[in-house]
Amino acid sequence: MKTIRTILRSKILYLAFSLLLVTACNEKEAKTQEEPESKKPPGQIISEAKATVLYDTYSSNRVPCIDEFENAVLEEGQERHVVTRYSAFDYKIIQDYMEYIEEQASLAGVDIESLRIYFATYPEGSEKDPNKNTVFLVPTTKFGQVNKAFKITEKDGKAVAESIPWNFKRNGSGAMHQEQDEGEKSQASFFPMITTNAVLQNGDKSLILNDGNSSPPPPNQ
């Protein structure tokens, strides 16, 4: 009788230990799944101190020139021009935009190489913020060995990436073509025409993002 009790007690202890071991392993696995490895910051992240230096350098070297020029051409009664210092886009809009251009690039079978941010100004007579500075974003992909901004067009029923045939003016003297290497100096550009429709008149799909909020920042922001 004692032998049977001893055997039963041993089996119960073994089952209890096995159950504890399985539970502990499951908890450890669940904890591992719940706590993914932290993502490392991009190498291009800069400190607040460096950002302050960059901002202050622009304030010293660029703002006075822009301020003097813009206010020199004001007509009597016009509000004094205040230099734009940033453009802001809603974070959800940026997320949607990134998903959109990645999807369109994938459909066309190309990789997005970079995201260009062009400095621009709304022209006189624009419905939105005439003469106000702005930016627009456009993805690039490789055409041969050169990065070019692109749009999506359709050929034989398939999506195709096509370079944008921009011919920007360079301060009124000649043209600046977009077939420049990444990293080469570029100058502020102006919209030759404004459209708010992502599908252009010829059926091409635009990948250019604009209509952010540009303004001087509040004090200490």
N, C-alpha and C. Protein backbone atom coordinates (compact mmCIF):
# COMPACT_ATOMS: atom_id res chain seq x y z
N MET A 1 0.84 -1.21 0.00
CA MET A 1 0.00 0.00 0.00
C MET A 1 0.87 1.26 0.00
N LYS A 2 1.91 1.21 0.82
CA LYS A 2 2.82 2.36 0.88
C LYS A 2 3.50 2.57 -0.47
N THR A 3 3.80 1.42 -1.13
CA THR A 3 4.47 1.52 -2.43
C THR A 3 3.58 2.23 -3.44
N ILE A 4 2.27 1.89 -3.46
CA ILE A 4 1.32 2.52 -4.38
C ILE A 4 1.23 4.01 -4.10
N ARG A 5 1.13 4.36 -2.80
CA ARG A 5 1.06 5.79 -2.43
C ARG A 5 2.32 6.54 -2.86
N THR A 6 3.46 5.86 -2.65
CA THR A 6 4.73 6.50 -3.03
C THR A 6 4.79 6.75 -4.53
N ILE A 7 4.33 5.73 -5.31
CA ILE A 7 4.34 5.87 -6.77
C ILE A 7 3.40 6.99 -7.21
N LEU A 8 2.18 7.03 -6.63
CA LEU A 8 1.22 8.08 -6.97
C LEU A 8 1.75 9.46 -6.63
N ARG A 9 2.36 9.56 -5.43
CA ARG A 9 2.91 10.85 -5.01
C ARG A 9 4.02 11.30 -5.97
N SER A 10 4.85 10.35 -6.40
CA SER A 10 5.94 10.69 -7.32
C SER A 10 5.39 11.17 -8.67
N LYS A 11 4.33 10.46 -9.16
CA LYS A 11 3.74 10.85 -10.44
C LYS A 11 3.08 12.22 -10.36
N ILE A 12 2.41 12.48 -9.22
CA ILE A 12 1.77 13.79 -9.04
C ILE A 12 2.82 14.89 -9.01
N LEU A 13 3.91 14.65 -8.29
CA LEU A 13 4.98 15.64 -8.22
C LEU A 13 5.60 15.86 -9.59
N TYR A 14 5.76 14.75 -10.36
CA TYR A 14 6.35 14.86 -11.70
C TYR A 14 5.45 15.67 -12.62
N LEU A 15 4.14 15.38 -12.57
CA LEU A 15 3.19 16.10 -13.41
C LEU A 15 3.13 17.58 -13.03
N ALA A 16 3.17 17.86 -11.73
CA ALA A 16 3.14 19.25 -11.27
C ALA A 16 4.38 20.00 -11.73
N PHE A 17 5.53 19.35 -11.63
CA PHE A 17 6.78 19.98 -12.06
C PHE A 17 6.77 20.22 -13.57
N SER A 18 6.27 19.22 -14.32
CA SER A 18 6.20 19.37 -15.79
C SER A 18 5.28 20.51 -16.17
N LEU A 19 4.13 20.62 -15.46
CA LEU A 19 3.18 21.70 -15.74
C LEU A 19 3.80 23.06 -15.46
N LEU A 20 4.52 23.17 -14.36
CA LEU A 20 5.20 24.42 -14.02
C LEU A 20 6.24 24.79 -15.08
N LEU A 21 6.98 23.77 -15.54
CA LEU A 21 8.03 24.00 -16.53
C LEU A 21 7.43 24.49 -17.86
N VAL A 22 6.34 23.85 -18.30
CA VAL A 22 5.68 24.24 -19.55
C VAL A 22 5.12 25.65 -19.43
N THR A 23 4.49 25.94 -18.28
CA THR A 23 3.92 27.28 -18.05
C THR A 23 5.00 28.35 -18.08
N ALA A 24 6.13 28.06 -17.43
CA ALA A 24 7.23 29.03 -17.39
C ALA A 24 7.78 29.28 -18.79
N CYS A 25 7.90 28.21 -19.60
CA CYS A 25 8.41 28.37 -20.97
C CYS A 25 7.45 29.20 -21.82
N ASN A 26 6.14 28.93 -21.64
CA ASN A 26 5.13 29.69 -22.40
C ASN A 26 5.15 31.16 -22.02
N GLU A 27 5.30 31.42 -20.70
CA GLU A 27 5.35 32.81 -20.24
C GLU A 27 6.58 33.51 -20.79
N LYS A 28 7.72 32.79 -20.82
CA LYS A 28 8.95 33.38 -21.34
C LYS A 28 8.82 33.68 -22.83
N GLU A 29 8.18 32.73 -23.58
CA GLU A 29 7.99 32.93 -25.02
C GLU A 29 7.06 34.10 -25.28
N ALA A 30 5.97 34.18 -24.49
CA ALA A 30 5.02 35.28 -24.66
C ALA A 30 5.68 36.61 -24.35
N LYS A 31 6.52 36.63 -23.30
CA LYS A 31 7.21 37.86 -22.93
C LYS A 31 8.17 38.30 -24.03
N THR A 32 8.83 37.28 -24.66
CA THR A 32 9.75 37.59 -25.75
C THR A 32 9.01 38.19 -26.93
N GLN A 33 7.81 37.66 -27.22
CA GLN A 33 7.01 38.17 -28.33
C GLN A 33 6.47 39.55 -28.05
N GLU A 34 6.16 39.82 -26.79
CA GLU A 34 5.60 41.12 -26.42
C GLU A 34 6.65 42.21 -26.36
N GLU A 35 7.92 41.85 -26.21
CA GLU A 35 8.98 42.83 -26.07
C GLU A 35 9.98 42.71 -27.22
N PRO A 36 9.60 43.22 -28.41
CA PRO A 36 10.53 43.17 -29.55
C PRO A 36 11.76 44.01 -29.29
N GLU A 37 12.80 43.70 -30.00
CA GLU A 37 14.05 44.44 -29.84
C GLU A 37 13.87 45.89 -30.27
N SER A 38 14.39 46.79 -29.48
CA SER A 38 14.26 48.21 -29.77
C SER A 38 14.94 48.55 -31.09
N LYS A 39 14.28 49.39 -31.90
CA LYS A 39 14.84 49.79 -33.20
C LYS A 39 15.92 50.83 -32.98
N LYS A 40 17.04 50.64 -33.65
CA LYS A 40 18.14 51.60 -33.53
C LYS A 40 17.81 52.86 -34.32
N PRO A 41 18.19 54.02 -33.78
CA PRO A 41 17.91 55.28 -34.49
C PRO A 41 18.75 55.39 -35.75
N PRO A 42 18.23 56.05 -36.80
CA PRO A 42 19.03 56.27 -38.01
C PRO A 42 20.29 57.06 -37.70
N GLY A 43 21.31 56.85 -38.49
CA GLY A 43 22.57 57.55 -38.27
C GLY A 43 22.48 59.04 -38.49
N GLN A 44 21.39 59.48 -39.15
CA GLN A 44 21.25 60.90 -39.46
C GLN A 44 20.56 61.69 -38.35
N ILE A 45 20.16 61.03 -37.27
CA ILE A 45 19.56 61.74 -36.14
C ILE A 45 20.59 62.70 -35.54
N ILE A 46 20.17 63.96 -35.29
CA ILE A 46 21.09 64.94 -34.70
C ILE A 46 20.57 65.37 -33.33
N SER A 47 21.43 65.97 -32.56
CA SER A 47 21.08 66.41 -31.21
C SER A 47 20.30 67.73 -31.25
N GLU A 48 19.65 68.04 -30.15
CA GLU A 48 18.94 69.32 -30.03
C GLU A 48 19.93 70.48 -30.19
N ALA A 49 21.12 70.31 -29.62
CA ALA A 49 22.13 71.37 -29.69
C ALA A 49 22.52 71.66 -31.14
N LYS A 50 22.73 70.61 -31.92
CA LYS A 50 23.11 70.82 -33.32
C LYS A 50 21.95 71.44 -34.11
N ALA A 51 20.72 70.99 -33.82
CA ALA A 51 19.56 71.56 -34.49
C ALA A 51 19.44 73.05 -34.19
N THR A 52 19.74 73.42 -32.96
CA THR A 52 19.69 74.83 -32.58
C THR A 52 20.73 75.64 -33.35
N VAL A 53 21.94 75.07 -33.50
CA VAL A 53 22.99 75.75 -34.26
C VAL A 53 22.56 75.95 -35.71
N LEU A 54 21.99 74.92 -36.31
CA LEU A 54 21.53 75.01 -37.70
C LEU A 54 20.45 76.07 -37.85
N TYR A 55 19.50 76.08 -36.92
CA TYR A 55 18.40 77.06 -36.98
C TYR A 55 18.94 78.48 -36.82
N ASP A 56 19.83 78.66 -35.85
CA ASP A 56 20.38 79.99 -35.60
C ASP A 56 21.25 80.48 -36.75
N THR A 57 21.96 79.55 -37.40
CA THR A 57 22.79 79.92 -38.55
C THR A 57 21.91 80.41 -39.69
N TYR A 58 20.80 79.75 -39.92
CA TYR A 58 19.85 80.20 -40.95
C TYR A 58 19.29 81.57 -40.58
N SER A 59 19.02 81.75 -39.29
CA SER A 59 18.50 83.04 -38.81
C SER A 59 19.48 84.16 -39.10
N SER A 60 20.76 83.88 -38.96
CA SER A 60 21.78 84.91 -39.17
C SER A 60 22.12 85.13 -40.63
N ASN A 61 22.21 84.04 -41.39
CA ASN A 61 22.71 84.12 -42.76
C ASN A 61 21.65 84.26 -43.84
N ARG A 62 20.43 83.83 -43.56
CA ARG A 62 19.42 83.82 -44.61
C ARG A 62 18.22 84.72 -44.32
N VAL A 63 17.73 84.68 -43.10
CA VAL A 63 16.50 85.42 -42.77
C VAL A 63 16.60 86.91 -43.08
N PRO A 64 17.69 87.61 -42.71
CA PRO A 64 17.76 89.04 -43.00
C PRO A 64 17.64 89.35 -44.50
N CYS A 65 18.28 88.53 -45.34
CA CYS A 65 18.22 88.75 -46.79
C CYS A 65 16.80 88.56 -47.32
N ILE A 66 16.15 87.49 -46.87
CA ILE A 66 14.78 87.22 -47.31
C ILE A 66 13.84 88.31 -46.82
N ASP A 67 14.00 88.68 -45.57
CA ASP A 67 13.14 89.70 -44.96
C ASP A 67 13.28 91.04 -45.70
N GLU A 68 14.52 91.41 -46.00
CA GLU A 68 14.76 92.68 -46.70
C GLU A 68 14.14 92.67 -48.09
N PHE A 69 14.33 91.57 -48.81
CA PHE A 69 13.81 91.48 -50.18
C PHE A 69 12.28 91.49 -50.19
N GLU A 70 11.67 90.64 -49.37
CA GLU A 70 10.21 90.51 -49.39
C GLU A 70 9.53 91.81 -48.99
N ASN A 71 10.06 92.49 -47.99
CA ASN A 71 9.41 93.71 -47.52
C ASN A 71 9.70 94.92 -48.40
N ALA A 72 10.77 94.83 -49.22
CA ALA A 72 11.10 95.94 -50.12
C ALA A 72 10.10 96.05 -51.26
N VAL A 73 9.46 94.93 -51.61
CA VAL A 73 8.53 94.94 -52.75
C VAL A 73 7.07 95.06 -52.33
N LEU A 74 6.83 95.25 -51.03
CA LEU A 74 5.45 95.38 -50.56
C LEU A 74 4.84 96.69 -51.04
N GLU A 75 3.58 96.63 -51.39
CA GLU A 75 2.85 97.83 -51.76
C GLU A 75 2.25 98.44 -50.51
N GLU A 76 1.92 99.70 -50.58
CA GLU A 76 1.37 100.41 -49.43
C GLU A 76 0.10 99.72 -48.93
N GLY A 77 0.05 99.51 -47.63
CA GLY A 77 -1.12 98.88 -47.04
C GLY A 77 -1.00 97.38 -46.88
N GLN A 78 -0.02 96.76 -47.54
CA GLN A 78 0.17 95.32 -47.42
C GLN A 78 0.81 94.97 -46.08
N GLU A 79 0.42 93.82 -45.54
CA GLU A 79 0.96 93.37 -44.25
C GLU A 79 2.44 93.00 -44.40
N ARG A 80 3.23 93.36 -43.39
CA ARG A 80 4.66 93.08 -43.42
C ARG A 80 4.91 91.58 -43.51
N HIS A 81 5.86 91.21 -44.34
CA HIS A 81 6.19 89.80 -44.55
C HIS A 81 7.00 89.27 -43.37
N VAL A 82 6.63 88.08 -42.90
CA VAL A 82 7.38 87.39 -41.85
C VAL A 82 7.94 86.11 -42.45
N VAL A 83 9.22 85.91 -42.31
CA VAL A 83 9.90 84.79 -42.97
C VAL A 83 9.39 83.45 -42.46
N THR A 84 9.06 82.58 -43.40
CA THR A 84 8.63 81.22 -43.07
C THR A 84 9.83 80.41 -42.57
N ARG A 85 9.63 79.66 -41.50
CA ARG A 85 10.74 78.89 -40.93
C ARG A 85 10.51 77.38 -40.95
N TYR A 86 9.29 76.93 -41.15
CA TYR A 86 9.07 75.48 -41.21
C TYR A 86 7.80 75.16 -41.98
N SER A 87 7.71 73.92 -42.43
CA SER A 87 6.48 73.38 -43.01
C SER A 87 6.12 72.13 -42.22
N ALA A 88 4.86 71.98 -41.90
CA ALA A 88 4.41 70.84 -41.10
C ALA A 88 3.33 70.06 -41.84
N PHE A 89 3.44 68.75 -41.80
CA PHE A 89 2.43 67.87 -42.37
C PHE A 89 1.87 67.00 -41.25
N ASP A 90 0.58 66.75 -41.29
CA ASP A 90 -0.03 65.84 -40.33
C ASP A 90 0.67 64.48 -40.42
N TYR A 91 0.98 63.89 -39.28
CA TYR A 91 1.74 62.64 -39.26
C TYR A 91 1.01 61.53 -40.01
N LYS A 92 -0.32 61.47 -39.85
CA LYS A 92 -1.11 60.44 -40.54
C LYS A 92 -1.04 60.65 -42.05
N ILE A 93 -1.01 61.90 -42.50
CA ILE A 93 -0.89 62.17 -43.93
C ILE A 93 0.45 61.65 -44.46
N ILE A 94 1.52 61.87 -43.68
CA ILE A 94 2.84 61.37 -44.09
C ILE A 94 2.83 59.84 -44.17
N GLN A 95 2.20 59.18 -43.17
CA GLN A 95 2.11 57.72 -43.20
C GLN A 95 1.36 57.25 -44.44
N ASP A 96 0.21 57.88 -44.71
CA ASP A 96 -0.59 57.51 -45.88
C ASP A 96 0.20 57.76 -47.17
N TYR A 97 0.95 58.86 -47.20
CA TYR A 97 1.73 59.21 -48.39
C TYR A 97 2.82 58.17 -48.64
N MET A 98 3.53 57.77 -47.58
CA MET A 98 4.59 56.78 -47.73
C MET A 98 4.02 55.45 -48.23
N GLU A 99 2.88 55.05 -47.67
CA GLU A 99 2.25 53.81 -48.12
C GLU A 99 1.82 53.91 -49.58
N TYR A 100 1.30 55.08 -49.97
CA TYR A 100 0.83 55.29 -51.33
C TYR A 100 1.97 55.21 -52.35
N ILE A 101 3.07 55.94 -52.09
CA ILE A 101 4.16 55.93 -53.07
C ILE A 101 4.87 54.58 -53.11
N GLU A 102 4.93 53.88 -51.97
CA GLU A 102 5.54 52.55 -51.96
C GLU A 102 4.69 51.57 -52.76
N GLU A 103 3.37 51.69 -52.62
CA GLU A 103 2.46 50.82 -53.38
C GLU A 103 2.58 51.09 -54.88
N GLN A 104 2.59 52.37 -55.26
CA GLN A 104 2.68 52.73 -56.67
C GLN A 104 4.02 52.30 -57.27
N ALA A 105 5.09 52.47 -56.51
CA ALA A 105 6.41 52.05 -56.98
C ALA A 105 6.46 50.53 -57.16
N SER A 106 5.86 49.81 -56.23
CA SER A 106 5.82 48.35 -56.31
C SER A 106 5.04 47.89 -57.54
N LEU A 107 3.91 48.55 -57.81
CA LEU A 107 3.11 48.19 -58.99
C LEU A 107 3.89 48.42 -60.28
N ALA A 108 4.77 49.44 -60.25
CA ALA A 108 5.58 49.75 -61.43
C ALA A 108 6.88 48.96 -61.47
N GLY A 109 7.15 48.19 -60.41
CA GLY A 109 8.35 47.36 -60.37
C GLY A 109 9.64 48.13 -60.18
N VAL A 110 9.58 49.24 -59.43
CA VAL A 110 10.80 50.03 -59.17
C VAL A 110 10.97 50.23 -57.67
N ASP A 111 12.17 50.58 -57.27
CA ASP A 111 12.46 50.89 -55.87
C ASP A 111 12.58 52.40 -55.69
N ILE A 112 12.06 52.89 -54.59
CA ILE A 112 12.22 54.31 -54.26
C ILE A 112 13.63 54.50 -53.69
N GLU A 113 14.41 55.36 -54.33
CA GLU A 113 15.79 55.58 -53.92
C GLU A 113 15.92 56.68 -52.87
N SER A 114 15.12 57.73 -53.02
CA SER A 114 15.20 58.86 -52.08
C SER A 114 13.89 59.63 -52.12
N LEU A 115 13.75 60.53 -51.19
CA LEU A 115 12.59 61.41 -51.13
C LEU A 115 13.10 62.84 -51.15
N ARG A 116 12.87 63.54 -52.26
CA ARG A 116 13.35 64.91 -52.38
C ARG A 116 12.35 65.87 -51.75
N ILE A 117 12.88 66.91 -51.12
CA ILE A 117 12.05 67.99 -50.58
C ILE A 117 12.47 69.27 -51.29
N TYR A 118 11.59 69.79 -52.13
CA TYR A 118 11.88 71.00 -52.90
C TYR A 118 11.34 72.23 -52.17
N PHE A 119 12.15 73.28 -52.11
CA PHE A 119 11.69 74.57 -51.60
C PHE A 119 10.95 75.28 -52.72
N ALA A 120 9.84 75.90 -52.41
CA ALA A 120 9.04 76.54 -53.46
C ALA A 120 8.28 77.73 -52.88
N THR A 121 7.57 78.44 -53.75
CA THR A 121 6.76 79.59 -53.34
C THR A 121 5.46 79.58 -54.14
N TYR A 122 4.35 79.78 -53.46
CA TYR A 122 3.08 79.90 -54.17
C TYR A 122 3.11 81.17 -55.01
N PRO A 123 2.73 81.10 -56.29
CA PRO A 123 2.82 82.27 -57.16
C PRO A 123 1.78 83.34 -56.83
N GLU A 124 2.02 84.53 -57.32
CA GLU A 124 1.07 85.63 -57.19
C GLU A 124 -0.25 85.20 -57.82
N GLY A 125 -1.34 85.44 -57.09
CA GLY A 125 -2.65 85.06 -57.61
C GLY A 125 -3.09 83.66 -57.23
N SER A 126 -2.24 82.92 -56.50
CA SER A 126 -2.61 81.59 -56.06
C SER A 126 -3.77 81.66 -55.07
N GLU A 127 -4.71 80.71 -55.17
CA GLU A 127 -5.85 80.69 -54.25
C GLU A 127 -5.38 80.46 -52.82
N LYS A 128 -4.31 79.71 -52.67
CA LYS A 128 -3.79 79.43 -51.33
C LYS A 128 -2.48 80.17 -51.11
N ASP A 129 -2.48 81.04 -50.12
CA ASP A 129 -1.24 81.68 -49.65
C ASP A 129 -0.35 82.23 -50.76
N PRO A 130 -0.82 83.19 -51.57
CA PRO A 130 0.02 83.76 -52.63
C PRO A 130 1.31 84.34 -52.06
N ASN A 131 2.42 84.08 -52.74
CA ASN A 131 3.75 84.56 -52.37
C ASN A 131 4.30 83.94 -51.08
N LYS A 132 3.63 82.93 -50.56
CA LYS A 132 4.12 82.30 -49.33
C LYS A 132 5.01 81.11 -49.68
N ASN A 133 6.08 80.95 -48.91
CA ASN A 133 6.99 79.83 -49.13
C ASN A 133 6.34 78.52 -48.74
N THR A 134 6.75 77.45 -49.42
CA THR A 134 6.21 76.13 -49.14
C THR A 134 7.26 75.09 -49.52
N VAL A 135 6.94 73.83 -49.37
CA VAL A 135 7.79 72.75 -49.86
C VAL A 135 6.90 71.71 -50.53
N PHE A 136 7.50 70.93 -51.43
CA PHE A 136 6.77 69.76 -51.93
C PHE A 136 7.73 68.58 -51.98
N LEU A 137 7.17 67.40 -51.77
CA LEU A 137 7.95 66.17 -51.68
C LEU A 137 7.68 65.30 -52.90
N VAL A 138 8.71 64.64 -53.39
CA VAL A 138 8.55 63.73 -54.52
C VAL A 138 9.59 62.61 -54.41
N PRO A 139 9.19 61.36 -54.65
CA PRO A 139 10.15 60.26 -54.60
C PRO A 139 10.98 60.18 -55.87
N THR A 140 12.15 59.58 -55.75
CA THR A 140 13.00 59.35 -56.92
C THR A 140 13.27 57.87 -57.08
N THR A 141 13.61 57.49 -58.30
CA THR A 141 14.04 56.12 -58.57
C THR A 141 15.15 56.17 -59.61
N LYS A 142 15.83 55.06 -59.80
CA LYS A 142 16.95 55.02 -60.74
C LYS A 142 16.46 54.89 -62.18
N PHE A 143 16.95 55.78 -63.02
CA PHE A 143 16.80 55.67 -64.47
C PHE A 143 18.21 55.59 -65.01
N GLY A 144 18.64 54.37 -65.33
CA GLY A 144 20.05 54.16 -65.64
C GLY A 144 20.85 54.29 -64.35
N GLN A 145 21.79 55.22 -64.32
CA GLN A 145 22.60 55.44 -63.12
C GLN A 145 22.23 56.72 -62.39
N VAL A 146 21.12 57.34 -62.79
CA VAL A 146 20.76 58.65 -62.24
C VAL A 146 19.42 58.59 -61.52
N ASN A 147 19.37 59.21 -60.34
CA ASN A 147 18.11 59.34 -59.61
C ASN A 147 17.28 60.45 -60.23
N LYS A 148 16.02 60.16 -60.51
CA LYS A 148 15.12 61.17 -61.04
C LYS A 148 13.77 61.08 -60.33
N ALA A 149 13.14 62.23 -60.16
CA ALA A 149 11.77 62.25 -59.66
C ALA A 149 10.89 61.57 -60.70
N PHE A 150 9.87 60.84 -60.23
CA PHE A 150 9.07 60.10 -61.20
C PHE A 150 7.58 60.16 -60.89
N LYS A 151 6.81 59.81 -61.89
CA LYS A 151 5.36 59.68 -61.78
C LYS A 151 4.99 58.30 -62.29
N ILE A 152 3.74 57.92 -62.15
CA ILE A 152 3.29 56.62 -62.63
C ILE A 152 2.38 56.82 -63.84
N THR A 153 2.72 56.15 -64.91
CA THR A 153 1.88 56.20 -66.10
C THR A 153 1.48 54.77 -66.46
N GLU A 154 0.59 54.63 -67.41
CA GLU A 154 0.11 53.30 -67.80
C GLU A 154 0.45 53.03 -69.26
N LYS A 155 1.08 51.89 -69.48
CA LYS A 155 1.41 51.48 -70.85
C LYS A 155 1.02 50.02 -71.04
N ASP A 156 0.19 49.77 -72.04
CA ASP A 156 -0.29 48.42 -72.33
C ASP A 156 -0.96 47.79 -71.11
N GLY A 157 -1.68 48.63 -70.35
CA GLY A 157 -2.41 48.13 -69.19
C GLY A 157 -1.57 47.89 -67.96
N LYS A 158 -0.29 48.27 -67.98
CA LYS A 158 0.59 48.06 -66.84
C LYS A 158 1.12 49.40 -66.31
N ALA A 159 1.32 49.46 -64.99
CA ALA A 159 1.88 50.66 -64.36
C ALA A 159 3.36 50.76 -64.69
N VAL A 160 3.79 51.95 -65.08
CA VAL A 160 5.19 52.18 -65.45
C VAL A 160 5.68 53.47 -64.80
N ALA A 161 6.89 53.42 -64.25
CA ALA A 161 7.50 54.63 -63.67
C ALA A 161 8.11 55.45 -64.80
N GLU A 162 7.79 56.73 -64.82
CA GLU A 162 8.30 57.62 -65.86
C GLU A 162 8.88 58.87 -65.22
N SER A 163 10.07 59.26 -65.64
CA SER A 163 10.69 60.45 -65.05
C SER A 163 9.88 61.69 -65.39
N ILE A 164 9.86 62.63 -64.46
CA ILE A 164 9.12 63.87 -64.67
C ILE A 164 10.00 64.81 -65.50
N PRO A 165 9.52 65.28 -66.65
CA PRO A 165 10.34 66.13 -67.52
C PRO A 165 10.37 67.58 -67.05
N TRP A 166 10.86 67.78 -65.83
CA TRP A 166 10.94 69.14 -65.31
C TRP A 166 12.02 69.93 -66.02
N ASN A 167 11.77 71.20 -66.16
CA ASN A 167 12.74 72.11 -66.76
C ASN A 167 12.70 73.41 -65.96
N PHE A 168 13.18 73.32 -64.71
CA PHE A 168 13.09 74.44 -63.78
C PHE A 168 13.96 75.60 -64.20
N LYS A 169 13.47 76.79 -63.95
CA LYS A 169 14.28 77.98 -64.18
C LYS A 169 15.29 78.13 -63.05
N ARG A 170 16.46 78.61 -63.38
CA ARG A 170 17.49 78.86 -62.37
C ARG A 170 17.70 80.37 -62.29
N ASN A 171 16.94 81.00 -61.39
CA ASN A 171 17.05 82.45 -61.20
C ASN A 171 16.91 83.23 -62.51
N GLY A 172 16.09 82.72 -63.41
CA GLY A 172 15.81 83.42 -64.66
C GLY A 172 16.90 83.30 -65.69
N SER A 173 17.97 82.56 -65.42
CA SER A 173 19.06 82.45 -66.40
C SER A 173 19.31 80.98 -66.71
N GLY A 174 18.70 80.51 -67.76
CA GLY A 174 18.88 79.11 -68.13
C GLY A 174 17.94 78.22 -67.35
N ALA A 175 18.15 76.92 -67.46
CA ALA A 175 17.26 75.96 -66.82
C ALA A 175 18.03 74.98 -65.96
N MET A 176 17.36 74.45 -64.94
CA MET A 176 17.96 73.43 -64.10
C MET A 176 17.20 72.14 -64.33
N HIS A 177 17.86 71.18 -64.96
CA HIS A 177 17.21 69.90 -65.22
C HIS A 177 17.35 69.02 -63.99
N GLN A 178 16.41 68.08 -63.83
CA GLN A 178 16.44 67.25 -62.64
C GLN A 178 17.39 66.07 -62.78
N GLU A 179 18.06 65.93 -63.93
CA GLU A 179 18.97 64.82 -64.12
C GLU A 179 20.31 65.05 -63.43
N GLN A 180 20.28 65.62 -62.24
CA GLN A 180 21.52 65.84 -61.50
C GLN A 180 21.70 64.72 -60.49
N ASP A 181 22.93 64.48 -60.12
CA ASP A 181 23.19 63.43 -59.14
C ASP A 181 22.68 63.86 -57.79
N GLU A 182 22.32 62.85 -56.97
CA GLU A 182 21.91 63.16 -55.60
C GLU A 182 23.05 63.83 -54.87
N GLY A 183 22.76 64.85 -54.09
CA GLY A 183 23.78 65.55 -53.34
C GLY A 183 24.27 66.78 -54.05
N GLU A 184 24.01 66.92 -55.36
CA GLU A 184 24.42 68.12 -56.07
C GLU A 184 23.55 69.28 -55.63
N LYS A 185 24.10 70.48 -55.59
CA LYS A 185 23.35 71.63 -55.12
C LYS A 185 22.15 71.90 -56.00
N SER A 186 21.01 72.24 -55.35
CA SER A 186 19.81 72.62 -56.08
C SER A 186 19.32 73.93 -55.53
N GLN A 187 18.50 74.62 -56.31
CA GLN A 187 18.01 75.92 -55.87
C GLN A 187 16.50 75.90 -55.79
N ALA A 188 15.93 76.84 -55.03
CA ALA A 188 14.50 76.89 -54.83
C ALA A 188 13.77 76.99 -56.15
N SER A 189 12.64 76.31 -56.23
CA SER A 189 11.90 76.26 -57.47
C SER A 189 10.49 76.80 -57.26
N PHE A 190 9.81 77.09 -58.37
CA PHE A 190 8.47 77.62 -58.33
C PHE A 190 7.56 76.74 -59.18
N PHE A 191 6.28 76.60 -58.73
CA PHE A 191 5.32 75.83 -59.51
C PHE A 191 4.98 76.56 -60.80
N PRO A 192 5.16 75.96 -61.97
CA PRO A 192 4.71 76.59 -63.19
C PRO A 192 3.20 76.55 -63.30
N MET A 193 2.58 75.55 -62.67
CA MET A 193 1.12 75.47 -62.64
C MET A 193 0.74 74.67 -61.40
N ILE A 194 -0.44 74.89 -60.89
CA ILE A 194 -0.85 74.23 -59.66
C ILE A 194 -2.05 73.34 -59.93
N THR A 195 -1.98 72.10 -59.50
CA THR A 195 -3.11 71.20 -59.59
C THR A 195 -3.24 70.46 -58.28
N THR A 196 -4.46 70.19 -57.85
CA THR A 196 -4.67 69.48 -56.59
C THR A 196 -5.11 68.05 -56.85
N ASN A 197 -5.18 67.63 -58.12
CA ASN A 197 -5.63 66.30 -58.47
C ASN A 197 -4.44 65.38 -58.64
N ALA A 198 -4.47 64.22 -57.93
CA ALA A 198 -3.35 63.27 -58.03
C ALA A 198 -3.29 62.63 -59.41
N VAL A 199 -4.44 62.55 -60.10
CA VAL A 199 -4.45 62.01 -61.45
C VAL A 199 -4.42 63.17 -62.43
N LEU A 200 -3.34 63.29 -63.20
CA LEU A 200 -3.17 64.42 -64.10
C LEU A 200 -4.06 64.27 -65.33
N GLN A 201 -4.11 65.31 -66.13
CA GLN A 201 -5.02 65.34 -67.27
C GLN A 201 -4.77 64.20 -68.25
N ASN A 202 -3.53 63.77 -68.40
CA ASN A 202 -3.23 62.69 -69.35
C ASN A 202 -3.35 61.31 -68.72
N GLY A 203 -3.88 61.24 -67.50
CA GLY A 203 -4.07 59.95 -66.84
C GLY A 203 -2.91 59.50 -65.99
N ASP A 204 -1.79 60.21 -66.01
CA ASP A 204 -0.65 59.86 -65.16
C ASP A 204 -1.00 60.11 -63.69
N LYS A 205 -0.36 59.36 -62.80
CA LYS A 205 -0.55 59.54 -61.37
C LYS A 205 0.61 60.33 -60.78
N SER A 206 0.29 61.42 -60.12
CA SER A 206 1.32 62.23 -59.47
C SER A 206 1.66 61.64 -58.11
N LEU A 207 2.93 61.72 -57.74
CA LEU A 207 3.40 61.27 -56.43
C LEU A 207 3.93 62.44 -55.61
N ILE A 208 3.57 63.66 -56.00
CA ILE A 208 4.08 64.87 -55.36
C ILE A 208 3.17 65.30 -54.22
N LEU A 209 3.74 65.50 -53.04
CA LEU A 209 2.96 65.91 -51.86
C LEU A 209 3.23 67.38 -51.54
N ASN A 210 2.15 68.14 -51.33
CA ASN A 210 2.24 69.55 -50.98
C ASN A 210 1.12 69.86 -50.00
N ASP A 211 0.82 71.12 -49.82
CA ASP A 211 -0.26 71.57 -48.94
C ASP A 211 0.02 71.27 -47.47
N GLY A 212 1.29 71.41 -47.06
CA GLY A 212 1.58 71.37 -45.64
C GLY A 212 1.31 72.75 -45.05
N ASN A 213 1.49 72.89 -43.77
CA ASN A 213 1.30 74.18 -43.11
C ASN A 213 2.66 74.83 -42.87
N SER A 214 2.92 75.93 -43.56
CA SER A 214 4.20 76.63 -43.43
C SER A 214 3.99 77.95 -42.72
N SER A 215 4.84 78.21 -41.73
CA SER A 215 4.70 79.47 -41.00
C SER A 215 5.92 79.70 -40.12
N PRO A 216 6.05 80.92 -39.60
CA PRO A 216 7.08 81.16 -38.59
C PRO A 216 6.70 80.40 -37.33
N PRO A 217 7.64 79.78 -36.64
CA PRO A 217 7.28 79.04 -35.43
C PRO A 217 6.94 79.97 -34.28
N PRO A 218 6.10 79.51 -33.35
CA PRO A 218 5.85 80.30 -32.14
C PRO A 218 7.16 80.47 -31.37
N PRO A 219 7.23 81.45 -30.48
CA PRO A 219 8.46 81.65 -29.71
C PRO A 219 8.92 80.38 -29.00
N ASN A 220 10.22 80.12 -29.09
CA ASN A 220 10.84 78.96 -28.43
C ASN A 220 10.32 77.63 -28.95
N GLN A 221 9.75 77.60 -30.15
CA GLN A 221 9.31 76.34 -30.73
C GLN A 221 9.90 76.16 -32.12
